[in-house]
Amino acid sequence: MDRNVYEQVLCAVDVCHSSTSSQNERHAAYAYCEEFQKRHDCIQYAFYLLQDSTRSSQHRHFALHVIETWIRQNWKACSPDEAVNYRATLLTIMASHLQQDEPTFLKEKLVKVVADIAKRSFPQRWPDMLQHLTQVWSISSLHAELVMLIFRSIAEDCVSSSFNSTIPPARRKDILQGLNALFPTLFPYVYRELEQQYVRLQQQDTRAASVILAGLQMLKEFLDWMPVTTAASPETNFIAVASLLVQSATAPLSLRIAAAECLEEFFSRSFAKENLTLLKDTSIACWSSLSTISVAGPVDDADTLLLHQHINRILVSWGTHQVDLLVPELPSTLPVFQSYFSLLQALFGHSSLHITEAQVIVWLNLLKVTPLQPYIDYPALWQCCLDKYFKLTSPDRDDAPATVLLEFDDQDAYNAFYGNFRGRLYGIIRLLVQKQPPVALQHLYDRLYYVLTQQSAGTDNLDDLGHCTDVTTAHLFHEGMASLTDCLVKSLPDSVYDNAQLLQKLGQSVELLLAYTTLDPWLLFRHCLALASFSKYYMRVPATYPRVFDRLFGLIVFCEPGESIMTSMRPTSTNVRRRALASLISICHAGPVHVLPYLPILCVQVVNLFPQVLDSESVLMYEMLVVVSNSMPTLDERVAFIQELTARPLTEWTSGEMTQVVSSPDNLVKALDQGKVLFAILKTLTTLYGIAKRIEVKDDENQQPAQHPFASSWPLLLPNLTALLATLQALSNPAMRQAVLESNARGLLCMSHEEINQALLGKEVVEVTAPAMMKAARWAKNVRDICFHLLGCALNHASVYTSLDVAGLLNASVLANLSWLEHRHWKSFLSSVWLPFVKSCPPTLYSSLLEPTVRLILTHLHERIVVSNSAPLYQPHFDGVDIQATTVDTICHALFLEVVRHTVDFIEALVDAKTVVDMESDHPKHIVVESDRLLRDFVLSSDVLTGLIVRLLVAILGWTDTLSARRATTLLDRLVSILFTQRQHFELFGKDVFAAALGTLLQHFHDVDDGLKWEVINLLRNIYCRLTLGLLPVDECKGIDPLNQPLKPDHELCFVPRSILAGLHGVEPAQVVEFEANLRAHPSAKTQKNYLKEFVETPFLAYVQAPHTFKAIEDLPESLVIRQPGSNKPNPPVIVDASALFAGQ
């Protein structure tokens, strides 16, 4: 060893850690340290440094880092003797050159280095590891802590099935078998250490806590696979120890939490029937310990809250895994459940919302288990669910509970949480309502009475007019009550409406609402929502309709003092008016037959209100009338009514002035100065769309498309509509576009402020600098969207295909110059126009209309997504807003994301469409109806369409959006399952798809989320089994033994996937043969996926250039031979009888 090099290394480390070093000095020191680690003999310097007791912890930590780096880079090249010498030297340093007060970072690094050696050697090349480590263990409590942490590190990387493991599958299995063999000796040793350290902990020994924590962390990893009987045996009852530590108020918090994690892991295990007694005994003992911990009242410190959360996880783990096993044993298991329910409900009412949320999954199961119902405290459960349904504990409030302040940073986080939390509570409340309808009705009345009487008006946080704001207490009560009312009423079973007494009770709540009056727009908005929730009640008691209608019609024209439709109104006033209209539509839609007798009254009311409402509000009133007219007894009446409604807007739409404006880009640009004309276009189209979309056609009328109530309107509406779409598209013609952008009409081509906010998801605020320009942009966006909606509505009507030249209309408008459409237009374009088209196009027109249209769209989408997704023509134009370049990039990415996601929607509609049935039931189903099957079969019969679809999905599979990639994977898997017998697609699936899927798996192999990876693995498995091996999944083996499927001739198979796997790094032919044999021998898809994952795991570690690669651990060539117990036991100090351990505690 060169002494000068040694001193220079020490100096370099000092410079790196010195606060007085200059930046240049520090960079030079870093460079020297990195260069030093490349020396083959650097490990000798590191060993020498570690044995020098005068050196600082920073010097020794660097030495351990050098050893760690050397091991992962050079260990494979070591001879067996060298490996043994290095290991022995390190263990000697660990045994003889450590101080009791070593810093944590140094201990963690030492543990990691020893564990890395063990993972590369144990058990084949280090069979006596337990003996060596227990000898170190016996030196001091520090050494005991380090050894237990080493075992934890080894176990956690082997037990985990995560893709992030750096140990190859075979190596993991070897290590796990080795640990399993030594565990009977190791476990009592650990248990004895815990007993000794617990005694020292009681005697205020500061070292004891660290040792106990290491033991708990180690055993938590072993609890995943060790026998449950061992963990709770009378001689070494670790579960009793963990329960004791959790309840110990004097124990450090870290120990109590670690013990709780052990219990959570234990109760997530599967218990065989022969272990039922063990489960009951351990459960009762655990509940007894946990019941001594107070969880009532607010929690104002993070440590206590963390402990309570871990206790709750124990209960959730037990409730998720053990209930079904113990229920059949009632009443013998009743004490277990009684104590469990007491703890569970105490924590359900905890001041922590996260604790309550975590229990929802358990309660949803418990409430469905009939034998347990008598032992559930329903009143307490009702009270807690209803109390927490109200958002009264915001962290921004002056009286915010201390627990909420610990859980949420701000109002945004609180609101985001409540969005999911209420949905989870809804699941419990729904079950409670179905079990106890009278109780639900009483709670509804009581809470409604309190809110409408005690919180009838706001008293705090009011605005300048004395009205509520979003943080006013009264508003929070009304908001929660409106949501809760909807939840309770929707959950009521039909039997309530057949019971006169219960119906009368429900009516009392309606009367409370109708008797309530206020002028506060915030409260009126919630009032309208609540009124709409009782639609089924109004159907049973029709006499209520007039009063409800009068209330809502009165609110349609709501205005603050000094406001009118001729002047600007506050958003709060507009919201009340729109909400009243929406509630009217909702009520009419729920029971149009019951509302029909009141249609003349509604018509009179609507006519009288037209002068007092805005254009957008008049459209909603049209919709309401159409909804009611759907229940007219005869088709002739409906046709006449619809024609009467559409007469005026159709006359305006087909007028000469309107036709002239919509038929020419120049005329449209000139009309921008005539705002009245442009906004007449928007109003007319919106009115016609509102009427068309609300018409419902009965099944028998579907047989006569010409008799659709709107059928006579399409020939009048569509020519100008398609002309307007062609005109809007022509504005983006590169030549026309430049001229428009240089004129005062450039707002027509700008991205609107609403679109910008939508793309940014509210995360950034972009200021408007030119309101007039944004007004034109908003008009262009709204008109384009309503045109797409109307065209899609037309394509959804069968009469259009018989009365009009659909192909000519489409080719002359929306299909002309697709490349002129920006990314931002494709979301509505695909969802509003083409999804209805492929769903409703008659099968007789598949060849002449659907095939060329779909081919054109898919070809363009491939060009747009794969080839030139960043083309300037596709990007939005920004003007009239103050926006940064980084924000523009964010918006452009968001817009392209929408294109990709809606492309997947479109492909799904073509090849894997599903129709939802039984929507009103608890279990709606997605089925393939005959029309979906005909469409799929036609599309997949075309090799051109199939190729375009597959290439698009392959491109999306490799994109950065995980959701799109997962959906693309699912669709590709579906296509493989349908087309695997067609040889013309072998190269497409066997080469293109298989290689792309492997690339995607490699790209995401070390991601935390396993969802996409398992789906890609399933796709690879499906391709390999079907195309290369000719194997069918079990559910398709009709009359065939899945284990003995007949071999297919070679000409019916595709061997490209085999050659791709064989070409992976380090893969030998024998491995491929073994892999295929495993696939044939195990027809279970789950098992086959595991085999494929293990097969690609090792070669992938050689490809991924990431920190994981540097730590990659090689398989050992030696076969694993586990010695029989007792043949080579370590020689630790004598272990005493453990039956009395912790006995005095």
Foldseek 3Di string as FASTA:
>chain_A
DDVVLLVLLLVLLCLCPDPPHDPVSVVVSVVSLVVLLVDLCLLVSLLVQLQPLVDDLSSNQSSLVSLQLNCLVCVVVDDLVVLVVSLVSLLCSLQPRDDPPRDPSSLVSSLVSNLLSCLQAPPPSPVCVVQSLLVSLPRDLVSLLSSLLNLLVNLQLLLDPALQRQEFVVSSVRRVVSCLQCVVVVQLVLLVLLLVLVVVVVVVDPSSLSSLLSSLSSVLSVLLDDDLCVCCPLQRVVLLVLLQQLLDPSRDLSSNLSSLSSLLSNLLDADDPVCPVVVLVSLLSSLVSVVNDDQDDFDQDPSVVSSLLSNLSSLLSNLVHPPVVCVVVPPVSVVSVLSSLVVNLSQCLGPALVSVQSCLVSLLVQLPRVVCVVRHPVVSLVVSLLVVLFPQQFPPDPPHTSNNVVVDVHRVRSVVVSVVSNVSSLSNLLSVCAVPVVVLLVVLQVLLVCLCPVLVAFDPPADPVRADDPNTPSLSSLQSSLVVLLSNLLSHDPVLLVDPVSLVSNVSSVVSLLPGDDLHLSNLLSSLSNNLSCLVSCLSVVVCVVSLVVVLLVLLLRADPPDAPVDDGDVSSVSSNVSSLVSLQSSCLVPLLSCLVCLVVLVVSLVVCVVGHDLVSNLSSLLSSLSNLLNPPDLVSSLVVLCVQLVVLLCVCQDPLNLVCLQALVSVLVCLVVVVSLVSLLSSLSSVLSNLVSHDDDPVCLVPLCSRSCLVVCVSNQVSLLSNQQSLLVCLPVVNVVVCCVDPLNLLQAAALVLLCVLVVVPDDWAFQAVSSNVNVVSNVSSLLSSLQVQLSLLLRPSCVVPHDVQVSCCSGVLPPVLQEALQSQLSNLPRHVLSNLLRPDPVCCVPHVVVVLLSVLVVLCCCQPPCVPPPSRAGDHDRIDDDPVSSVSSSVSSVVSSLVSVLVNVCQQAPAWDWPPPVDPDIDTHQDPSSVSRNVVQVVDPSSVLSLLVSLLSQLQDDDLVSVLSSLVVLLVVCVVCVQPVVCCCVLLPSVLVSLVVSCLVCSNPPDCRSNLSSLLSNLSLCCCAAFVADAPVPQVVHDNLCDDGDDPVRHHCSNVVVLCPFPPHDPVLSVVLVVQCSRDRDSVSNSVSSSSSVSVSSLVVDPDPSVSSNHDDDPDDNDSDRPPPDRRDRPDSDRSSCRVVVD
